[in-house]
Amino acid sequence: MSIQSISFFLVRFTHIETCATEVCALFKKREELDDCIASLRTLDDILATLREEFASLSVPSNTSDSSEPPSKPLASSSRKPQAPIYDSWTDADLPKARRLVTARENAIASVKALIAKHRKSQEERIGLEQ
């Protein structure tokens, strides 16, 4: 075998390796985007449920004292937000998807904290009334 034929095969196999690596990277990006979108849909559902729960806790009940000002229900509870359309996202939207997953997780933690705070204040108020 001559040096030219070895050089030809080396260049050819390097090209095949490069192409395969690029395809694998694109496939991995697409899989990660699909995972982020699935997570976003789940997190959106959880967040909507928690916001509804908080809104129901914020609605004034008939058993509360008349001296307390009624708490305002959340403005977002009066209208149903549209679900984002994730199906049209491309691999270029992967950083955006990652940021939104983090934002949804933080929003869920915040709403859970608000619910816990509201319940604690209700328990304290009930304890003072007794």
N, C-alpha and C. Protein backbone atom coordinates (compact mmCIF):
# COMPACT_ATOMS: atom_id res chain seq x y z
N MET A 1 0.84 -1.17 0.00
CA MET A 1 0.00 0.00 0.00
C MET A 1 0.89 1.24 0.00
N SER A 2 0.55 2.19 -0.80
CA SER A 2 1.38 3.39 -0.92
C SER A 2 0.96 4.42 0.12
N ILE A 3 1.81 5.41 0.27
CA ILE A 3 1.55 6.48 1.23
C ILE A 3 0.33 7.30 0.80
N GLN A 4 0.15 7.44 -0.51
CA GLN A 4 -1.00 8.20 -1.01
C GLN A 4 -2.31 7.51 -0.65
N SER A 5 -2.37 6.19 -0.79
CA SER A 5 -3.61 5.48 -0.47
C SER A 5 -3.88 5.49 1.04
N ILE A 6 -2.81 5.42 1.85
CA ILE A 6 -2.99 5.50 3.30
C ILE A 6 -3.50 6.90 3.68
N SER A 7 -2.91 7.90 3.05
CA SER A 7 -3.34 9.28 3.30
C SER A 7 -4.81 9.48 2.89
N PHE A 8 -5.19 8.89 1.76
CA PHE A 8 -6.57 8.99 1.29
C PHE A 8 -7.54 8.38 2.31
N PHE A 9 -7.21 7.15 2.80
CA PHE A 9 -8.08 6.49 3.76
C PHE A 9 -8.13 7.24 5.09
N LEU A 10 -7.00 7.81 5.49
CA LEU A 10 -6.95 8.57 6.73
C LEU A 10 -7.87 9.80 6.64
N VAL A 11 -7.80 10.51 5.52
CA VAL A 11 -8.65 11.68 5.33
C VAL A 11 -10.11 11.26 5.26
N ARG A 12 -10.37 10.17 4.58
CA ARG A 12 -11.75 9.70 4.44
C ARG A 12 -12.34 9.29 5.78
N PHE A 13 -11.57 8.54 6.58
CA PHE A 13 -12.08 8.11 7.88
C PHE A 13 -12.19 9.27 8.86
N THR A 14 -11.33 10.24 8.74
CA THR A 14 -11.44 11.43 9.58
C THR A 14 -12.73 12.18 9.24
N HIS A 15 -13.04 12.27 7.97
CA HIS A 15 -14.28 12.93 7.54
C HIS A 15 -15.49 12.17 8.07
N ILE A 16 -15.47 10.86 7.99
CA ILE A 16 -16.58 10.04 8.49
C ILE A 16 -16.73 10.25 10.00
N GLU A 17 -15.61 10.29 10.70
CA GLU A 17 -15.65 10.51 12.15
C GLU A 17 -16.24 11.88 12.48
N THR A 18 -15.84 12.89 11.74
CA THR A 18 -16.35 14.24 11.96
C THR A 18 -17.86 14.31 11.72
N CYS A 19 -18.29 13.70 10.63
CA CYS A 19 -19.73 13.70 10.32
C CYS A 19 -20.52 12.97 11.40
N ALA A 20 -20.03 11.83 11.82
CA ALA A 20 -20.72 11.05 12.85
C ALA A 20 -20.79 11.82 14.17
N THR A 21 -19.71 12.51 14.52
CA THR A 21 -19.69 13.31 15.75
C THR A 21 -20.70 14.45 15.68
N GLU A 22 -20.78 15.10 14.53
CA GLU A 22 -21.74 16.20 14.37
C GLU A 22 -23.18 15.70 14.46
N VAL A 23 -23.46 14.56 13.85
CA VAL A 23 -24.80 13.99 13.90
C VAL A 23 -25.16 13.62 15.33
N CYS A 24 -24.23 13.02 16.05
CA CYS A 24 -24.48 12.65 17.44
C CYS A 24 -24.74 13.88 18.31
N ALA A 25 -23.99 14.95 18.07
CA ALA A 25 -24.18 16.18 18.83
C ALA A 25 -25.56 16.78 18.56
N LEU A 26 -25.98 16.79 17.30
CA LEU A 26 -27.30 17.30 16.96
C LEU A 26 -28.40 16.45 17.58
N PHE A 27 -28.22 15.13 17.53
CA PHE A 27 -29.20 14.22 18.11
C PHE A 27 -29.30 14.44 19.62
N LYS A 28 -28.14 14.62 20.27
CA LYS A 28 -28.13 14.85 21.72
C LYS A 28 -28.84 16.16 22.07
N LYS A 29 -28.60 17.21 21.27
CA LYS A 29 -29.28 18.50 21.49
C LYS A 29 -30.79 18.35 21.36
N ARG A 30 -31.22 17.62 20.33
CA ARG A 30 -32.66 17.44 20.11
C ARG A 30 -33.28 16.65 21.26
N GLU A 31 -32.59 15.63 21.73
CA GLU A 31 -33.09 14.85 22.86
C GLU A 31 -33.19 15.71 24.12
N GLU A 32 -32.20 16.55 24.34
CA GLU A 32 -32.22 17.44 25.50
C GLU A 32 -33.36 18.45 25.39
N LEU A 33 -33.59 18.97 24.19
CA LEU A 33 -34.70 19.89 23.98
C LEU A 33 -36.03 19.20 24.26
N ASP A 34 -36.18 17.97 23.76
CA ASP A 34 -37.41 17.21 24.02
C ASP A 34 -37.61 16.98 25.51
N ASP A 35 -36.53 16.69 26.24
CA ASP A 35 -36.62 16.51 27.69
C ASP A 35 -37.03 17.80 28.39
N CYS A 36 -36.44 18.92 27.95
CA CYS A 36 -36.79 20.22 28.54
C CYS A 36 -38.26 20.56 28.28
N ILE A 37 -38.73 20.28 27.08
CA ILE A 37 -40.13 20.58 26.74
C ILE A 37 -41.07 19.72 27.58
N ALA A 38 -40.73 18.45 27.75
CA ALA A 38 -41.56 17.58 28.60
C ALA A 38 -41.56 18.09 30.03
N SER A 39 -40.40 18.51 30.52
CA SER A 39 -40.32 19.07 31.87
C SER A 39 -41.14 20.35 31.98
N LEU A 40 -41.05 21.21 30.98
CA LEU A 40 -41.80 22.46 31.00
C LEU A 40 -43.31 22.22 31.06
N ARG A 41 -43.79 21.27 30.28
CA ARG A 41 -45.23 20.97 30.31
C ARG A 41 -45.66 20.48 31.69
N THR A 42 -44.86 19.61 32.28
CA THR A 42 -45.18 19.11 33.62
C THR A 42 -45.12 20.24 34.64
N LEU A 43 -44.07 21.04 34.58
CA LEU A 43 -43.92 22.15 35.52
C LEU A 43 -45.03 23.18 35.34
N ASP A 44 -45.45 23.44 34.10
CA ASP A 44 -46.57 24.35 33.86
C ASP A 44 -47.85 23.86 34.53
N ASP A 45 -48.10 22.55 34.43
CA ASP A 45 -49.29 21.97 35.06
C ASP A 45 -49.22 22.09 36.58
N ILE A 46 -48.06 21.79 37.15
CA ILE A 46 -47.88 21.89 38.60
C ILE A 46 -48.07 23.32 39.06
N LEU A 47 -47.47 24.25 38.32
CA LEU A 47 -47.56 25.66 38.69
C LEU A 47 -49.00 26.16 38.60
N ALA A 48 -49.72 25.76 37.58
CA ALA A 48 -51.12 26.18 37.45
C ALA A 48 -51.95 25.65 38.62
N THR A 49 -51.71 24.40 39.01
CA THR A 49 -52.43 23.81 40.14
C THR A 49 -52.12 24.56 41.43
N LEU A 50 -50.84 24.84 41.65
CA LEU A 50 -50.45 25.57 42.86
C LEU A 50 -51.02 26.98 42.88
N ARG A 51 -51.04 27.64 41.74
CA ARG A 51 -51.61 28.99 41.69
C ARG A 51 -53.11 28.97 41.96
N GLU A 52 -53.80 27.96 41.47
CA GLU A 52 -55.23 27.83 41.77
C GLU A 52 -55.43 27.59 43.27
N GLU A 53 -54.59 26.75 43.85
CA GLU A 53 -54.68 26.48 45.29
C GLU A 53 -54.44 27.76 46.08
N PHE A 54 -53.43 28.52 45.71
CA PHE A 54 -53.16 29.77 46.41
C PHE A 54 -54.29 30.77 46.23
N ALA A 55 -54.85 30.83 45.04
CA ALA A 55 -55.97 31.74 44.79
C ALA A 55 -57.17 31.35 45.66
N SER A 56 -57.40 30.05 45.81
CA SER A 56 -58.53 29.62 46.65
C SER A 56 -58.27 29.94 48.12
N LEU A 57 -57.02 29.91 48.55
CA LEU A 57 -56.70 30.28 49.92
C LEU A 57 -56.83 31.78 50.13
N SER A 58 -56.60 32.54 49.08
CA SER A 58 -56.63 34.00 49.17
C SER A 58 -58.05 34.57 49.13
N VAL A 59 -59.00 33.76 48.68
CA VAL A 59 -60.39 34.22 48.62
C VAL A 59 -60.91 34.33 50.05
N PRO A 60 -61.53 35.47 50.39
CA PRO A 60 -62.02 35.64 51.76
C PRO A 60 -63.12 34.64 52.07
N SER A 61 -63.02 34.07 53.25
CA SER A 61 -64.05 33.10 53.67
C SER A 61 -65.08 33.81 54.54
N ASN A 62 -66.25 33.22 54.69
CA ASN A 62 -67.33 33.81 55.49
C ASN A 62 -67.04 33.76 56.97
N THR A 63 -66.11 32.90 57.38
CA THR A 63 -65.83 32.74 58.80
C THR A 63 -64.78 33.72 59.31
N SER A 64 -64.19 34.51 58.44
CA SER A 64 -63.15 35.45 58.88
C SER A 64 -63.79 36.64 59.58
N ASP A 65 -63.00 37.31 60.39
CA ASP A 65 -63.48 38.48 61.12
C ASP A 65 -63.82 39.59 60.13
N SER A 66 -64.84 40.35 60.46
CA SER A 66 -65.24 41.44 59.58
C SER A 66 -64.27 42.61 59.68
N SER A 67 -63.45 42.64 60.76
CA SER A 67 -62.50 43.75 60.91
C SER A 67 -61.30 43.60 59.98
N GLU A 68 -61.07 42.40 59.49
CA GLU A 68 -59.93 42.18 58.60
C GLU A 68 -60.32 42.58 57.18
N PRO A 69 -59.44 43.28 56.50
CA PRO A 69 -59.73 43.59 55.10
C PRO A 69 -59.64 42.32 54.27
N PRO A 70 -60.56 42.13 53.35
CA PRO A 70 -60.51 40.92 52.54
C PRO A 70 -59.28 40.93 51.64
N SER A 71 -58.65 39.78 51.55
CA SER A 71 -57.48 39.70 50.67
C SER A 71 -57.94 39.61 49.23
N LYS A 72 -57.17 40.22 48.36
CA LYS A 72 -57.53 40.25 46.95
C LYS A 72 -57.14 38.94 46.29
N PRO A 73 -58.00 38.36 45.49
CA PRO A 73 -57.58 37.18 44.74
C PRO A 73 -56.55 37.58 43.70
N LEU A 74 -55.76 36.62 43.31
CA LEU A 74 -54.73 36.88 42.30
C LEU A 74 -55.36 37.37 41.01
N ALA A 75 -54.75 38.34 40.39
CA ALA A 75 -55.26 38.87 39.14
C ALA A 75 -55.22 37.82 38.04
N SER A 76 -54.23 36.94 38.11
CA SER A 76 -54.10 35.93 37.07
C SER A 76 -55.15 34.83 37.20
N SER A 77 -55.80 34.74 38.36
CA SER A 77 -56.80 33.69 38.53
C SER A 77 -58.09 33.99 37.76
N SER A 78 -58.30 35.28 37.41
CA SER A 78 -59.51 35.63 36.70
C SER A 78 -59.46 35.26 35.23
N ARG A 79 -58.27 35.14 34.70
CA ARG A 79 -58.15 34.75 33.30
C ARG A 79 -57.18 33.58 33.19
N LYS A 80 -57.48 32.72 32.29
CA LYS A 80 -56.68 31.52 32.10
C LYS A 80 -55.54 31.82 31.13
N PRO A 81 -54.28 31.73 31.58
CA PRO A 81 -53.18 32.01 30.66
C PRO A 81 -53.09 30.93 29.59
N GLN A 82 -52.70 31.36 28.40
CA GLN A 82 -52.55 30.40 27.31
C GLN A 82 -51.30 29.58 27.53
N ALA A 83 -51.40 28.30 27.23
CA ALA A 83 -50.24 27.43 27.33
C ALA A 83 -49.27 27.77 26.20
N PRO A 84 -47.99 27.87 26.52
CA PRO A 84 -47.02 28.17 25.47
C PRO A 84 -46.97 27.04 24.44
N ILE A 85 -46.64 27.40 23.24
CA ILE A 85 -46.52 26.40 22.17
C ILE A 85 -45.05 26.02 22.07
N TYR A 86 -44.73 24.86 22.59
CA TYR A 86 -43.35 24.39 22.61
C TYR A 86 -43.00 23.57 21.37
N ASP A 87 -44.01 23.09 20.64
CA ASP A 87 -43.76 22.19 19.52
C ASP A 87 -42.96 22.84 18.39
N SER A 88 -43.05 24.14 18.27
CA SER A 88 -42.36 24.82 17.17
C SER A 88 -40.91 25.17 17.51
N TRP A 89 -40.47 24.84 18.71
CA TRP A 89 -39.11 25.18 19.11
C TRP A 89 -38.10 24.33 18.36
N THR A 90 -36.95 24.91 18.11
CA THR A 90 -35.86 24.22 17.42
C THR A 90 -34.68 24.06 18.37
N ASP A 91 -33.63 23.45 17.88
CA ASP A 91 -32.43 23.25 18.70
C ASP A 91 -31.84 24.58 19.17
N ALA A 92 -32.07 25.62 18.42
CA ALA A 92 -31.57 26.95 18.80
C ALA A 92 -32.26 27.47 20.06
N ASP A 93 -33.42 26.92 20.39
CA ASP A 93 -34.18 27.35 21.57
C ASP A 93 -33.79 26.60 22.84
N LEU A 94 -32.79 25.73 22.76
CA LEU A 94 -32.39 24.95 23.93
C LEU A 94 -31.97 25.82 25.12
N PRO A 95 -31.16 26.86 24.93
CA PRO A 95 -30.83 27.71 26.08
C PRO A 95 -32.07 28.36 26.70
N LYS A 96 -33.00 28.77 25.86
CA LYS A 96 -34.26 29.36 26.34
C LYS A 96 -35.04 28.33 27.15
N ALA A 97 -35.09 27.10 26.67
CA ALA A 97 -35.81 26.03 27.37
C ALA A 97 -35.18 25.77 28.74
N ARG A 98 -33.87 25.75 28.79
CA ARG A 98 -33.18 25.53 30.08
C ARG A 98 -33.51 26.65 31.06
N ARG A 99 -33.48 27.91 30.57
CA ARG A 99 -33.81 29.05 31.44
C ARG A 99 -35.25 28.96 31.94
N LEU A 100 -36.16 28.57 31.06
CA LEU A 100 -37.57 28.47 31.46
C LEU A 100 -37.80 27.36 32.46
N VAL A 101 -37.09 26.24 32.34
CA VAL A 101 -37.22 25.16 33.32
C VAL A 101 -36.81 25.69 34.70
N THR A 102 -35.68 26.40 34.74
CA THR A 102 -35.22 26.98 36.01
C THR A 102 -36.23 28.00 36.54
N ALA A 103 -36.77 28.83 35.67
CA ALA A 103 -37.75 29.83 36.09
C ALA A 103 -39.01 29.17 36.64
N ARG A 104 -39.49 28.12 35.96
CA ARG A 104 -40.69 27.42 36.45
C ARG A 104 -40.43 26.77 37.81
N GLU A 105 -39.25 26.17 37.97
CA GLU A 105 -38.92 25.55 39.25
C GLU A 105 -38.88 26.60 40.36
N ASN A 106 -38.32 27.76 40.07
CA ASN A 106 -38.28 28.84 41.06
C ASN A 106 -39.67 29.38 41.36
N ALA A 107 -40.51 29.48 40.33
CA ALA A 107 -41.88 29.96 40.54
C ALA A 107 -42.66 28.97 41.41
N ILE A 108 -42.47 27.68 41.17
CA ILE A 108 -43.15 26.66 41.97
C ILE A 108 -42.71 26.78 43.43
N ALA A 109 -41.41 26.95 43.65
CA ALA A 109 -40.91 27.10 45.02
C ALA A 109 -41.50 28.35 45.68
N SER A 110 -41.63 29.43 44.94
CA SER A 110 -42.20 30.66 45.49
C SER A 110 -43.67 30.50 45.86
N VAL A 111 -44.44 29.89 44.98
CA VAL A 111 -45.87 29.71 45.26
C VAL A 111 -46.05 28.75 46.43
N LYS A 112 -45.23 27.71 46.51
CA LYS A 112 -45.31 26.80 47.66
C LYS A 112 -45.00 27.54 48.95
N ALA A 113 -44.03 28.43 48.92
CA ALA A 113 -43.69 29.22 50.11
C ALA A 113 -44.85 30.14 50.49
N LEU A 114 -45.49 30.76 49.49
CA LEU A 114 -46.65 31.61 49.77
C LEU A 114 -47.79 30.81 50.39
N ILE A 115 -48.02 29.61 49.87
CA ILE A 115 -49.09 28.76 50.41
C ILE A 115 -48.77 28.39 51.86
N ALA A 116 -47.53 28.00 52.12
CA ALA A 116 -47.13 27.63 53.48
C ALA A 116 -47.27 28.83 54.43
N LYS A 117 -46.86 30.00 53.96
CA LYS A 117 -46.97 31.21 54.78
C LYS A 117 -48.43 31.54 55.08
N HIS A 118 -49.28 31.42 54.08
CA HIS A 118 -50.70 31.72 54.24
C HIS A 118 -51.33 30.72 55.23
N ARG A 119 -51.00 29.45 55.08
CA ARG A 119 -51.55 28.44 56.00
C ARG A 119 -51.06 28.66 57.43
N LYS A 120 -49.80 29.02 57.57
CA LYS A 120 -49.26 29.27 58.90
C LYS A 120 -49.97 30.44 59.56
N SER A 121 -50.21 31.51 58.79
CA SER A 121 -50.90 32.67 59.35
C SER A 121 -52.35 32.32 59.71
N GLN A 122 -53.00 31.46 58.91
CA GLN A 122 -54.35 31.02 59.24
C GLN A 122 -54.35 30.19 60.52
N GLU A 123 -53.37 29.30 60.67
CA GLU A 123 -53.28 28.49 61.88
C GLU A 123 -53.04 29.36 63.10
N GLU A 124 -52.18 30.37 62.96
CA GLU A 124 -51.92 31.28 64.07
C GLU A 124 -53.18 32.07 64.43
N ARG A 125 -53.91 32.52 63.42
CA ARG A 125 -55.14 33.28 63.65
C ARG A 125 -56.17 32.40 64.35
N ILE A 126 -56.28 31.17 63.93
CA ILE A 126 -57.22 30.23 64.57
C ILE A 126 -56.81 29.96 66.00
N GLY A 127 -55.49 29.83 66.23
CA GLY A 127 -54.99 29.61 67.58
C GLY A 127 -55.26 30.79 68.50
N LEU A 128 -55.19 32.00 67.97
CA LEU A 128 -55.47 33.21 68.77
C LEU A 128 -56.95 33.34 69.08
N GLU A 129 -57.80 32.89 68.17
CA GLU A 129 -59.24 33.00 68.38
C GLU A 129 -59.73 32.03 69.46
N GLN A 130 -59.02 30.95 69.64
CA GLN A 130 -59.46 29.94 70.63
C GLN A 130 -59.04 30.29 71.98
